[in-house]
Each structure stands twice: as structure tokens, then as C-alpha cells.
Protein backbone atom coordinates (compact mmCIF):
# COMPACT_ATOMS: atom_id res chain seq x y z
CA GLY A 1 -26.19 32.74 13.95
CA GLU A 2 -24.96 29.31 14.43
CA THR A 3 -21.12 28.38 13.70
CA ALA A 4 -20.66 25.77 12.31
CA THR A 5 -18.19 22.66 14.30
CA PRO A 6 -15.17 21.51 12.55
CA ALA A 7 -14.51 17.75 11.45
CA PRO A 8 -12.34 15.60 13.01
CA PRO A 9 -9.52 14.82 11.83
CA ALA A 10 -9.51 12.18 8.80
CA VAL A 11 -7.55 8.92 10.36
CA ALA A 12 -6.45 6.92 7.28
CA ALA A 13 -8.95 3.03 8.12
CA GLY A 14 -5.90 0.94 7.93
CA ARG A 15 -5.94 0.31 12.12
CA PRO A 16 -7.93 3.10 14.06
CA GLY A 17 -6.64 5.93 15.60
CA THR A 18 -3.14 4.99 14.31
CA GLY A 19 -3.27 7.72 11.68
CA ALA A 20 -1.98 3.96 9.48
CA GLY A 21 -3.57 3.04 5.81
CA VAL A 22 -4.84 0.76 3.70
CA VAL A 23 -1.18 -0.22 1.57
CA GLY A 24 -0.61 -0.27 -1.77
CA CYS A 25 2.64 -2.15 -2.78
CA ILE A 26 3.73 -1.89 -6.66
CA GLY A 27 7.14 -3.64 -6.22
CA ALA A 28 7.97 -6.51 -4.08
CA GLY A 29 11.76 -7.20 -5.32
CA ASN A 30 14.02 -7.06 -1.96
CA PHE A 31 14.24 -3.52 -0.88
CA ALA A 32 10.54 -3.26 -0.83
CA SER A 33 10.32 -6.86 1.06
CA ARG A 34 13.65 -6.25 3.23
CA MET A 35 12.79 -2.68 3.86
CA LEU A 36 9.86 -0.37 2.87
CA VAL A 37 7.16 -3.13 3.82
CA PRO A 38 8.97 -4.81 7.27
CA ALA A 39 8.83 -0.09 7.78
CA LEU A 40 5.20 -0.33 7.54
CA LYS A 41 3.32 -3.10 9.71
CA ASP A 42 6.29 -1.28 12.11
CA ALA A 43 3.81 1.29 11.66
CA GLY A 44 0.91 -0.07 11.83
CA ALA A 45 -0.38 -0.25 7.89
CA HIS A 46 -2.89 -2.37 7.36
CA LEU A 47 -0.95 -4.45 4.50
CA HIS A 48 -4.15 -5.00 1.32
CA THR A 49 -2.40 -6.09 -1.83
CA ILE A 50 1.26 -6.37 -3.09
CA VAL A 51 2.05 -7.10 -6.46
CA SER A 52 4.83 -7.77 -9.01
CA SER A 53 5.61 -7.91 -12.81
CA GLY A 54 5.16 -11.97 -13.06
CA GLY A 55 2.97 -12.50 -9.30
CA ILE A 56 5.54 -14.86 -8.13
CA THR A 57 7.93 -12.34 -5.50
CA ALA A 58 4.79 -10.87 -4.92
CA ALA A 59 3.32 -14.64 -3.64
CA LEU A 60 5.95 -14.79 -1.62
CA VAL A 61 6.32 -11.81 -0.19
CA ALA A 62 2.55 -11.49 0.59
CA ARG A 63 2.35 -14.48 2.94
CA ARG A 64 5.90 -13.91 4.58
CA GLN A 65 4.98 -10.27 4.78
CA GLY A 66 1.19 -10.96 6.07
CA PHE A 67 -0.73 -8.87 2.69
CA ASP A 68 -4.55 -9.90 2.39
CA ARG A 69 -3.07 -10.46 -1.47
CA ALA A 70 -0.50 -10.36 -4.11
CA GLY A 71 -1.40 -10.36 -7.73
CA SER A 72 0.70 -8.60 -11.31
CA ASP A 73 -1.31 -6.45 -12.06
CA PRO A 74 -0.54 -2.79 -10.54
CA ASN A 75 -4.52 -1.65 -11.31
CA ASP A 76 -5.35 -4.72 -8.43
CA VAL A 77 -3.82 -1.64 -6.95
CA LEU A 78 -4.36 0.93 -7.93
CA GLY A 79 -7.97 0.65 -9.15
CA ASP A 80 -8.62 -0.51 -5.16
CA PRO A 81 -10.91 2.41 -3.43
CA ALA A 82 -10.02 0.10 -0.10
CA ILE A 83 -5.93 1.31 -1.10
CA ASP A 84 -6.01 4.34 0.66
CA THR A 85 -1.55 4.67 0.61
CA VAL A 86 0.02 3.71 -2.49
CA VAL A 87 3.46 2.75 -2.74
CA VAL A 88 5.64 2.26 -6.02
CA ALA A 89 8.95 -0.21 -4.99
CA THR A 90 9.68 -0.53 -9.02
CA ARG A 91 13.04 0.77 -10.62
CA HIS A 92 12.58 3.91 -10.99
CA ASP A 93 12.06 4.29 -14.94
CA SER A 94 8.57 3.12 -14.76
CA HIS A 95 7.73 5.28 -11.41
CA ALA A 96 6.24 8.32 -13.96
CA ARG A 97 4.18 5.10 -15.31
CA PHE A 98 2.88 4.50 -11.85
CA ALA A 99 1.86 8.26 -10.96
CA VAL A 100 0.67 9.08 -13.33
CA ALA A 101 -2.07 6.53 -13.27
């Protein structure tokens, strides 16, 4: 009989061949904007959507760092099928509700 050829390893859609994904970020505070987002950019991630509670900080970080979109609704990140990597950069006491979603 025939033997199946194994599929090549999956590469995220961010930047072909880099293994970096399409990122959505919930939270746009100091740690996210000064540490996490620059590290994601350096890794070659596609910065897709960033949200913050009021949306203003997200808009500022999006403009500075090159996100495609900004907003205030976490569902814009959690519900977008184009996003394959979610960063939760909110206060520690809110992480569980986003992880369960």
C-alpha cells in the first residue's frame, strides 16, 4: 500500500517562514507598549489589533507601533479568525476572563 507523506510543519500567517503569527493584544499600557509590542515586532509578528479599556491608549500605541486596528472591545481580538496569537497584557486580576474566552 501507499504510505502517507507527512504534512509540512505549520507556519503561522504573520510573516511566511518566520513562525511569527498574527497578533491581537488586549491591553495597551506601559508594559505592553514598551516591552511586549516591541519584542513582538522584533520577532516579525504581524501586529493586527490592539484594544484598551477606553480605546484611546490602544489608538496611540497602534499608530506608534504599526497595528492594523485599534479599539476598546476585547472581542475584536478574541473573535477575529485572522488573529492566531493573543497577548493578554491587562491587570493580573482580569487575565482569567480573557483566557476562558
